[in-house]
N, C-alpha and C. Protein backbone atom coordinates (compact mmCIF):
# COMPACT_ATOMS: atom_id res chain seq x y z
N MET A 1 12.00 -32.35 0.96
CA MET A 1 11.78 -30.42 1.59
C MET A 1 11.63 -30.67 2.82
N SER A 2 12.50 -30.79 4.13
CA SER A 2 12.36 -30.53 5.34
C SER A 2 12.03 -29.54 5.44
N GLU A 3 11.53 -29.41 7.33
CA GLU A 3 10.65 -28.42 8.00
C GLU A 3 11.42 -27.72 8.21
N PRO A 4 11.40 -26.25 8.51
CA PRO A 4 12.44 -25.04 9.02
C PRO A 4 12.23 -25.38 10.21
N SER A 5 13.08 -25.06 11.05
CA SER A 5 13.37 -24.97 12.17
C SER A 5 12.90 -24.43 13.13
N TYR A 6 12.72 -24.09 14.46
CA TYR A 6 12.50 -23.01 15.02
C TYR A 6 13.70 -21.66 14.98
N ASP A 7 14.57 -21.74 15.01
CA ASP A 7 15.51 -20.27 14.59
C ASP A 7 15.15 -19.82 13.62
N GLU A 8 15.38 -20.99 12.29
CA GLU A 8 14.54 -20.39 10.90
C GLU A 8 13.46 -19.36 10.85
N LEU A 9 12.67 -20.06 11.44
CA LEU A 9 11.05 -19.73 11.85
C LEU A 9 11.59 -18.31 12.32
N LYS A 10 12.01 -18.50 13.63
CA LYS A 10 12.35 -17.53 14.39
C LYS A 10 12.77 -16.16 13.65
N SER A 11 13.94 -16.63 12.84
CA SER A 11 14.36 -15.58 11.87
C SER A 11 14.07 -14.64 10.99
N GLU A 12 12.89 -15.41 10.78
CA GLU A 12 12.34 -15.09 9.30
C GLU A 12 10.82 -14.22 9.68
N LEU A 13 10.72 -14.48 11.28
CA LEU A 13 9.36 -13.42 11.27
C LEU A 13 10.13 -12.00 11.99
N GLU A 14 11.54 -12.27 12.29
CA GLU A 14 11.96 -10.60 12.61
C GLU A 14 12.18 -9.95 11.82
N LYS A 15 12.33 -10.85 10.28
CA LYS A 15 12.62 -9.75 9.00
C LYS A 15 11.42 -9.72 8.75
N ILE A 16 10.07 -9.83 8.81
CA ILE A 16 8.54 -9.56 8.86
C ILE A 16 8.18 -8.66 9.67
N LYS A 17 8.22 -8.64 10.91
CA LYS A 17 8.64 -7.16 12.22
C LYS A 17 9.30 -6.22 11.75
N ALA A 18 10.59 -5.89 10.66
CA ALA A 18 10.96 -5.43 10.66
C ALA A 18 10.50 -4.66 9.32
N GLN A 19 10.29 -5.13 8.59
CA GLN A 19 9.68 -4.89 6.95
C GLN A 19 7.93 -4.24 7.24
N LYS A 20 7.83 -3.97 8.74
CA LYS A 20 5.96 -3.84 8.73
C LYS A 20 6.12 -2.34 8.42
N VAL A 21 5.19 -1.94 8.20
CA VAL A 21 5.27 -0.40 7.54
C VAL A 21 4.67 0.33 8.91
N LYS A 22 4.41 1.12 9.30
CA LYS A 22 3.94 2.13 10.70
C LYS A 22 2.77 2.22 10.11
N THR A 23 1.53 2.33 10.59
CA THR A 23 0.59 3.58 10.62
C THR A 23 1.04 4.89 9.73
N GLY A 24 0.09 4.73 8.53
CA GLY A 24 0.19 5.62 8.08
C GLY A 24 1.27 6.20 7.41
N GLU A 25 2.44 5.55 6.99
CA GLU A 25 2.97 5.52 6.30
C GLU A 25 2.66 4.96 4.58
N LEU A 26 3.51 5.37 4.04
CA LEU A 26 2.99 4.61 2.81
C LEU A 26 5.31 4.02 2.59
N SER A 27 4.80 2.46 1.54
CA SER A 27 6.05 2.05 1.11
C SER A 27 5.51 1.23 0.12
N PHE A 28 7.13 1.18 -1.05
CA PHE A 28 6.32 0.50 -2.27
C PHE A 28 7.16 -0.86 -2.40
N LYS A 29 6.66 -1.34 -3.67
CA LYS A 29 7.97 -2.52 -3.60
C LYS A 29 6.96 -3.65 -4.90
N VAL A 30 8.39 -3.72 -5.73
CA VAL A 30 8.19 -4.42 -6.78
C VAL A 30 7.39 -5.59 -7.32
N SER A 31 6.46 -5.67 -7.40
CA SER A 31 5.41 -7.22 -6.88
C SER A 31 6.14 -8.17 -8.18
N GLU A 32 5.70 -9.36 -8.02
CA GLU A 32 6.27 -10.59 -8.83
C GLU A 32 5.80 -10.41 -10.33
N LYS A 33 5.25 -9.62 -10.58
CA LYS A 33 4.07 -9.72 -12.27
C LYS A 33 5.38 -8.09 -12.76
N GLY A 34 6.23 -7.59 -11.69
CA GLY A 34 6.33 -5.96 -12.31
C GLY A 34 5.97 -5.40 -11.99
N ALA A 35 4.94 -4.37 -11.61
CA ALA A 35 4.10 -3.55 -11.25
C ALA A 35 4.25 -3.21 -9.93
N VAL A 36 4.03 -1.91 -9.76
CA VAL A 36 4.59 -1.28 -8.77
C VAL A 36 3.44 -1.34 -7.26
N SER A 37 3.83 -1.83 -6.36
CA SER A 37 2.56 -1.42 -5.40
C SER A 37 2.89 -0.47 -4.14
N VAL A 38 1.57 -0.03 -4.27
CA VAL A 38 1.95 1.36 -2.90
C VAL A 38 0.85 0.27 -1.38
N TYR A 39 2.02 0.21 -0.56
CA TYR A 39 1.31 -0.33 0.42
C TYR A 39 0.96 0.67 1.51
N GLY A 40 -0.28 1.01 2.66
CA GLY A 40 -0.22 1.89 3.24
C GLY A 40 -1.73 2.58 3.00
N LEU A 41 -2.00 2.17 1.82
CA LEU A 41 -3.25 3.17 1.68
C LEU A 41 -4.82 2.71 2.39
N GLY A 42 -4.90 1.21 2.29
CA GLY A 42 -5.95 0.05 2.69
C GLY A 42 -5.42 -0.95 3.23
N ARG A 43 -6.25 -1.62 3.31
CA ARG A 43 -6.09 -3.06 3.43
C ARG A 43 -4.90 -3.99 2.94
N PHE A 44 -5.48 -3.22 1.20
CA PHE A 44 -4.68 -3.87 0.63
C PHE A 44 -3.97 -3.36 -0.21
N PRO A 45 -2.87 -3.75 -1.01
CA PRO A 45 -2.30 -2.63 -1.83
C PRO A 45 -2.54 -2.26 -3.42
N VAL A 46 -2.44 -1.03 -3.04
CA VAL A 46 -2.60 -0.44 -4.72
C VAL A 46 -1.72 -1.35 -5.80
N THR A 47 -1.86 -1.67 -7.03
CA THR A 47 -0.72 -2.19 -7.75
C THR A 47 -1.19 -1.64 -8.70
N LEU A 48 -0.49 -1.45 -9.90
CA LEU A 48 -0.41 -0.61 -11.19
C LEU A 48 0.86 -0.65 -11.72
N TYR A 49 0.97 -0.92 -13.25
CA TYR A 49 2.13 -0.91 -13.87
C TYR A 49 2.81 0.20 -14.21
N GLN A 50 3.98 0.18 -14.52
CA GLN A 50 4.50 1.90 -14.25
C GLN A 50 4.15 2.24 -15.00
N GLU A 51 3.57 1.96 -16.80
CA GLU A 51 2.81 3.02 -17.51
C GLU A 51 1.43 3.60 -16.99
N GLN A 52 0.78 2.74 -16.28
CA GLN A 52 -0.55 3.40 -15.57
C GLN A 52 -0.30 4.23 -14.24
N TRP A 53 1.08 3.34 -13.19
CA TRP A 53 1.29 5.29 -12.81
C TRP A 53 1.66 6.28 -13.45
N VAL A 54 2.81 5.94 -14.17
CA VAL A 54 3.20 7.51 -14.99
C VAL A 54 1.79 8.31 -15.55
N ARG A 55 0.79 7.52 -16.29
CA ARG A 55 0.20 7.74 -16.88
C ARG A 55 -0.91 8.66 -15.72
N LEU A 56 -1.33 7.91 -14.47
CA LEU A 56 -2.01 8.92 -13.35
C LEU A 56 -1.43 9.85 -12.62
N LEU A 57 0.37 9.83 -12.66
CA LEU A 57 0.82 11.06 -11.79
C LEU A 57 0.78 11.76 -13.02
N ALA A 58 1.06 11.74 -14.24
CA ALA A 58 0.57 12.77 -15.37
C ALA A 58 -0.13 13.30 -14.76
N VAL A 59 -1.92 12.96 -14.83
CA VAL A 59 -3.01 14.02 -14.45
C VAL A 59 -3.17 14.29 -12.43
N GLY A 60 -2.02 14.30 -12.37
CA GLY A 60 -2.37 14.66 -10.60
C GLY A 60 -3.28 15.83 -10.23
N GLU A 61 -2.62 16.62 -10.82
CA GLU A 61 -3.30 18.33 -10.92
C GLU A 61 -5.13 18.00 -11.21
N ASP A 62 -5.38 17.36 -12.46
CA ASP A 62 -6.70 16.83 -12.76
C ASP A 62 -7.52 16.32 -11.35
N LEU A 63 -6.59 15.57 -11.18
CA LEU A 63 -7.34 14.35 -9.79
C LEU A 63 -7.80 15.26 -8.90
N LYS A 64 -6.63 16.21 -8.23
CA LYS A 64 -6.77 17.13 -7.61
C LYS A 64 -8.13 18.19 -7.51
N THR A 65 -7.67 18.59 -8.56
CA THR A 65 -8.77 19.55 -8.64
C THR A 65 -10.61 18.77 -8.76
N PHE A 66 -10.70 17.50 -9.45
CA PHE A 66 -11.77 16.73 -9.39
C PHE A 66 -12.38 16.73 -7.48
N ILE A 67 -11.21 16.29 -6.91
CA ILE A 67 -11.65 15.70 -5.84
C ILE A 67 -12.33 17.28 -4.83
N LYS A 68 -11.33 17.80 -5.21
CA LYS A 68 -11.90 19.25 -4.55
C LYS A 68 -13.42 19.80 -5.21
N ASP A 69 -13.79 19.51 -6.19
CA ASP A 69 -14.94 19.93 -7.26
C ASP A 69 -16.34 18.86 -6.59
N ASN A 70 -15.85 17.73 -6.25
CA ASN A 70 -16.93 17.14 -6.08
C ASN A 70 -16.55 16.35 -5.05
N SER A 71 -15.96 17.00 -3.72
CA SER A 71 -15.99 17.16 -2.34
C SER A 71 -16.94 16.84 -1.74
N ALA A 72 -18.42 17.47 -1.71
CA ALA A 72 -19.76 17.15 -1.15
C ALA A 72 -19.94 16.02 -1.26
N LYS A 73 -19.77 14.86 -2.61
CA LYS A 73 -20.33 13.93 -3.08
C LYS A 73 -19.38 12.50 -2.35
N LEU A 74 -18.28 13.09 -1.89
CA LEU A 74 -17.44 12.08 -1.65
C LEU A 74 -17.55 12.18 -0.55
N LYS A 75 -17.43 10.93 0.16
CA LYS A 75 -17.12 9.96 1.50
C LYS A 75 -15.43 9.97 1.77
N VAL A 76 -15.29 10.54 3.15
CA VAL A 76 -13.68 10.47 4.15
C VAL A 76 -14.17 9.16 4.54
N LYS A 77 -12.88 8.32 3.86
CA LYS A 77 -12.94 6.82 5.58
C LYS A 77 -12.08 6.83 6.34
N GLU A 78 -12.30 7.29 7.90
CA GLU A 78 -11.90 7.23 8.72
C GLU A 78 -11.31 5.70 9.17
N GLN A 79 -9.64 6.00 9.85
CA GLN A 79 -8.66 4.77 9.74
C GLN A 79 -9.00 4.72 10.69
N ALA A 80 -9.49 2.94 11.50
CA ALA A 80 -9.71 2.23 12.96
C ALA A 80 -8.05 2.87 13.42
N ALA A 81 -7.99 3.41 14.72
CA ALA A 81 -7.16 3.19 15.50
C ALA A 81 -5.82 1.79 15.30
N GLY A 82 -5.09 1.23 14.78
CA GLY A 82 -3.84 0.62 14.21
C GLY A 82 -3.85 -0.54 13.14
N GLY A 83 -4.83 0.44 12.16
CA GLY A 83 -4.94 -0.31 10.42
C GLY A 83 -5.96 0.02 10.40
N GLY A 84 -6.34 0.23 9.04
CA GLY A 84 -7.21 0.56 8.33
C GLY A 84 -8.27 -0.61 7.75
N GLY A 85 -8.43 -1.67 8.79
CA GLY A 85 -9.84 -2.31 8.17
C GLY A 85 -10.69 -2.04 7.91
N SER A 86 -11.35 -3.11 6.90
CA SER A 86 -12.81 -2.54 6.42
C SER A 86 -13.40 -2.98 6.77
């Protein structure tokens, strides 16, 4: 296998830049293993299989209520400018 040319690398970099998510925006992708990955929540994607997302979404209102009821105990992570580094 030969080394990629400068033009090939430049083209690939432009594709990657075009796919980059703006800060604060969420994006979705099907992972190599067939799961759904959500990008933009933090440093790493959140990845669950279809049935796991369906179960989580089914209790969405319960989760919102839980967060509201426990807000005094929960921390809020401040996002740094330019990304969500830990």
